[in-house]
Amino acid sequence: MSNWIDSGGAAPPPWTDEDWENRDPENRQGPARRWRAALIIAFAVLLPGLASQLGHARDRGQFANVNPDLRAWFNALKSGKGPCCSDADGSAISDADWESGNGHYRVRIDGEWVNVPDEAVITEPNRVGRTMVWPIRDGVGGLYIRCFMPGSMT
């Protein structure tokens, strides 16, 4: 093998038009491929940010006129499973959708009866009178009761 610089030869071109045309299209680098890669990266960065806006809680103003003392009471409610969060997170349920027996409760949510864990029951007096439940759905279809406040069953 000879040294082409010492022999007076010129440097070979990095590629010829023929080499470019015969290259594998998947490995061919060009402006269109670079733009496509840049767009894919841009969408990959922006899409989670846009999608995250769909999962945020919203205050639609339905509790704007609630008595401040009652709001503070709701925000301080706790069960043995932790804070219930607020009245906006709970759901009032009708008397037909909950029942008690043998010292335990169960509630019907979306047509499904769910046993209320004993530690989820709020034992302090119910200041609103209606039965409320704070259900939590996990990402795989399970339903858990974080807090349950029995009503008067009138």
Protein backbone atom coordinates (compact mmCIF):
# COMPACT_ATOMS: atom_id res chain seq x y z
CA MET A 1 0.00 0.00 0.00
CA SER A 2 1.45 3.32 -1.01
CA ASN A 3 1.14 6.67 0.63
CA TRP A 4 -0.94 8.65 -1.88
CA ILE A 5 0.18 12.04 -0.48
CA ASP A 6 3.87 11.14 -0.93
CA SER A 7 3.17 9.86 -4.43
CA GLY A 8 1.72 13.21 -5.50
CA GLY A 9 -1.87 12.06 -5.68
CA ALA A 10 -4.81 14.23 -4.89
CA ALA A 11 -7.11 13.47 -2.00
CA PRO A 12 -10.04 11.37 -3.12
CA PRO A 13 -13.47 13.03 -2.86
CA PRO A 14 -15.48 11.95 0.19
CA TRP A 15 -18.10 10.54 -2.18
CA THR A 16 -19.22 10.81 -5.74
CA ASP A 17 -22.70 11.32 -7.11
CA GLU A 18 -22.75 7.65 -7.98
CA ASP A 19 -21.86 6.68 -4.40
CA TRP A 20 -24.65 8.94 -3.10
CA GLU A 21 -27.25 7.36 -5.39
CA ASN A 22 -26.19 3.83 -4.48
CA ARG A 23 -26.22 4.34 -0.73
CA ASP A 24 -28.86 2.65 1.39
CA PRO A 25 -31.79 5.12 1.72
CA GLU A 26 -32.09 4.42 5.46
CA ASN A 27 -28.52 5.59 6.03
CA ARG A 28 -28.64 8.54 3.67
CA GLN A 29 -28.27 11.82 5.51
CA GLY A 30 -29.90 14.84 4.00
CA PRO A 31 -31.86 17.96 4.93
CA ALA A 32 -35.23 16.20 4.87
CA ARG A 33 -34.05 13.47 7.23
CA ARG A 34 -32.54 16.02 9.62
CA TRP A 35 -35.78 18.05 9.67
CA ARG A 36 -37.81 14.92 10.32
CA ALA A 37 -35.59 14.00 13.25
CA ALA A 38 -35.88 17.54 14.64
CA LEU A 39 -39.69 17.44 14.35
CA ILE A 40 -39.90 14.07 16.09
CA ILE A 41 -37.80 15.37 18.96
CA ALA A 42 -39.90 18.56 19.18
CA PHE A 43 -43.16 16.57 19.32
CA ALA A 44 -41.69 14.19 21.89
CA VAL A 45 -40.84 17.15 24.12
CA LEU A 46 -44.09 19.10 23.64
CA LEU A 47 -46.66 16.28 23.70
CA PRO A 48 -46.28 15.32 27.40
CA GLY A 49 -46.59 18.98 28.36
CA LEU A 50 -49.79 19.38 26.39
CA ALA A 51 -51.25 16.07 27.55
CA SER A 52 -50.55 16.84 31.21
CA GLN A 53 -53.04 19.71 31.07
CA LEU A 54 -55.87 17.20 30.61
CA GLY A 55 -55.27 15.51 33.96
CA HIS A 56 -55.31 18.52 36.26
CA ALA A 57 -58.10 19.12 38.73
CA ARG A 58 -60.36 21.99 37.90
CA ASP A 59 -62.35 24.41 39.96
CA ARG A 60 -65.40 25.11 37.85
CA GLY A 61 -66.78 27.47 40.49
CA GLN A 62 -69.46 25.07 41.74
CA PHE A 63 -68.27 25.58 45.34
CA ALA A 64 -67.62 29.32 45.13
CA ASN A 65 -70.52 30.22 47.45
CA VAL A 66 -69.76 27.67 50.19
CA ASN A 67 -69.64 29.02 53.73
CA PRO A 68 -65.94 29.55 54.65
CA ASP A 69 -66.36 27.67 57.95
CA LEU A 70 -67.88 24.70 56.15
CA ARG A 71 -65.12 24.81 53.51
CA ALA A 72 -62.46 24.80 56.27
CA TRP A 73 -64.21 21.84 57.94
CA PHE A 74 -64.24 19.88 54.66
CA ASN A 75 -60.59 20.69 54.00
CA ALA A 76 -59.64 19.42 57.47
CA LEU A 77 -61.57 16.11 57.22
CA LYS A 78 -59.43 13.02 57.74
CA SER A 79 -59.98 9.33 57.92
CA GLY A 80 -57.56 6.65 59.07
CA LYS A 81 -56.32 6.59 55.45
CA GLY A 82 -55.34 10.27 55.52
CA PRO A 83 -56.86 13.60 54.52
CA CYS A 84 -59.99 13.51 52.40
CA CYS A 85 -58.85 16.68 50.56
CA SER A 86 -62.02 18.77 50.17
CA ASP A 87 -65.71 18.76 49.34
CA ALA A 88 -64.84 19.16 45.66
CA ASP A 89 -63.08 15.77 45.70
CA GLY A 90 -65.90 13.90 47.40
CA SER A 91 -69.21 12.78 45.96
CA ALA A 92 -72.58 12.91 47.66
CA ILE A 93 -74.44 9.64 47.27
CA SER A 94 -78.11 8.82 47.75
CA ASP A 95 -79.36 6.60 50.55
CA ALA A 96 -80.02 3.81 48.04
CA ASP A 97 -76.34 3.72 47.15
CA TRP A 98 -74.94 2.87 50.56
CA GLU A 99 -75.76 0.47 53.31
CA SER A 100 -74.44 -0.72 56.63
CA GLY A 101 -74.46 -4.14 58.21
CA ASN A 102 -72.54 -5.81 61.02
CA GLY A 103 -70.75 -2.52 61.76
CA HIS A 104 -69.37 -2.15 58.22
CA TYR A 105 -70.36 -0.01 55.25
CA ARG A 106 -70.48 -0.50 51.52
CA VAL A 107 -71.25 1.93 48.72
CA ARG A 108 -72.40 1.61 45.13
CA ILE A 109 -70.23 3.58 42.70
CA ASP A 110 -70.88 3.34 38.96
CA GLY A 111 -73.14 0.32 39.59
CA GLU A 112 -70.45 -1.57 41.53
CA TRP A 113 -70.72 -2.29 45.25
CA VAL A 114 -67.47 -1.53 47.08
CA ASN A 115 -66.74 -2.38 50.71
CA VAL A 116 -65.63 0.62 52.74
CA PRO A 117 -62.53 -0.13 54.83
CA ASP A 118 -63.12 0.58 58.51
CA GLU A 119 -60.18 3.02 58.58
CA ALA A 120 -61.81 5.08 55.77
CA VAL A 121 -64.89 5.92 57.86
CA ILE A 122 -65.02 9.47 59.23
CA THR A 123 -66.19 9.24 62.82
CA GLU A 124 -66.78 12.91 63.60
CA PRO A 125 -70.30 14.35 63.29
CA ASN A 126 -71.53 14.97 59.76
CA ARG A 127 -72.11 18.74 59.46
CA VAL A 128 -73.74 18.56 56.02
CA GLY A 129 -76.14 15.68 56.66
CA ARG A 130 -75.63 13.97 53.29
CA THR A 131 -73.62 10.81 52.79
CA MET A 132 -70.31 11.44 51.05
CA VAL A 133 -67.61 9.23 49.67
CA TRP A 134 -64.11 10.02 48.38
CA PRO A 135 -63.32 7.26 45.87
CA ILE A 136 -59.90 6.82 44.26
CA ARG A 137 -59.32 4.88 41.07
CA ASP A 138 -55.92 3.43 40.44
CA GLY A 139 -54.61 3.30 36.89
CA VAL A 140 -55.55 -0.35 36.34
CA GLY A 141 -59.27 -0.28 37.09
CA GLY A 142 -59.26 -0.74 40.86
CA LEU A 143 -61.51 1.40 43.06
CA TYR A 144 -60.60 2.34 46.62
CA ILE A 145 -62.41 4.39 49.22
CA ARG A 146 -60.19 6.97 50.89
CA CYS A 147 -62.91 8.52 53.04
CA PHE A 148 -66.55 7.76 53.77
CA MET A 149 -68.92 9.93 55.80
CA PRO A 150 -72.30 8.32 56.52
CA GLY A 151 -75.39 10.45 56.31
CA SER A 152 -78.60 10.46 58.27
CA MET A 153 -80.47 7.86 56.09
CA THR A 154 -83.69 9.88 56.16
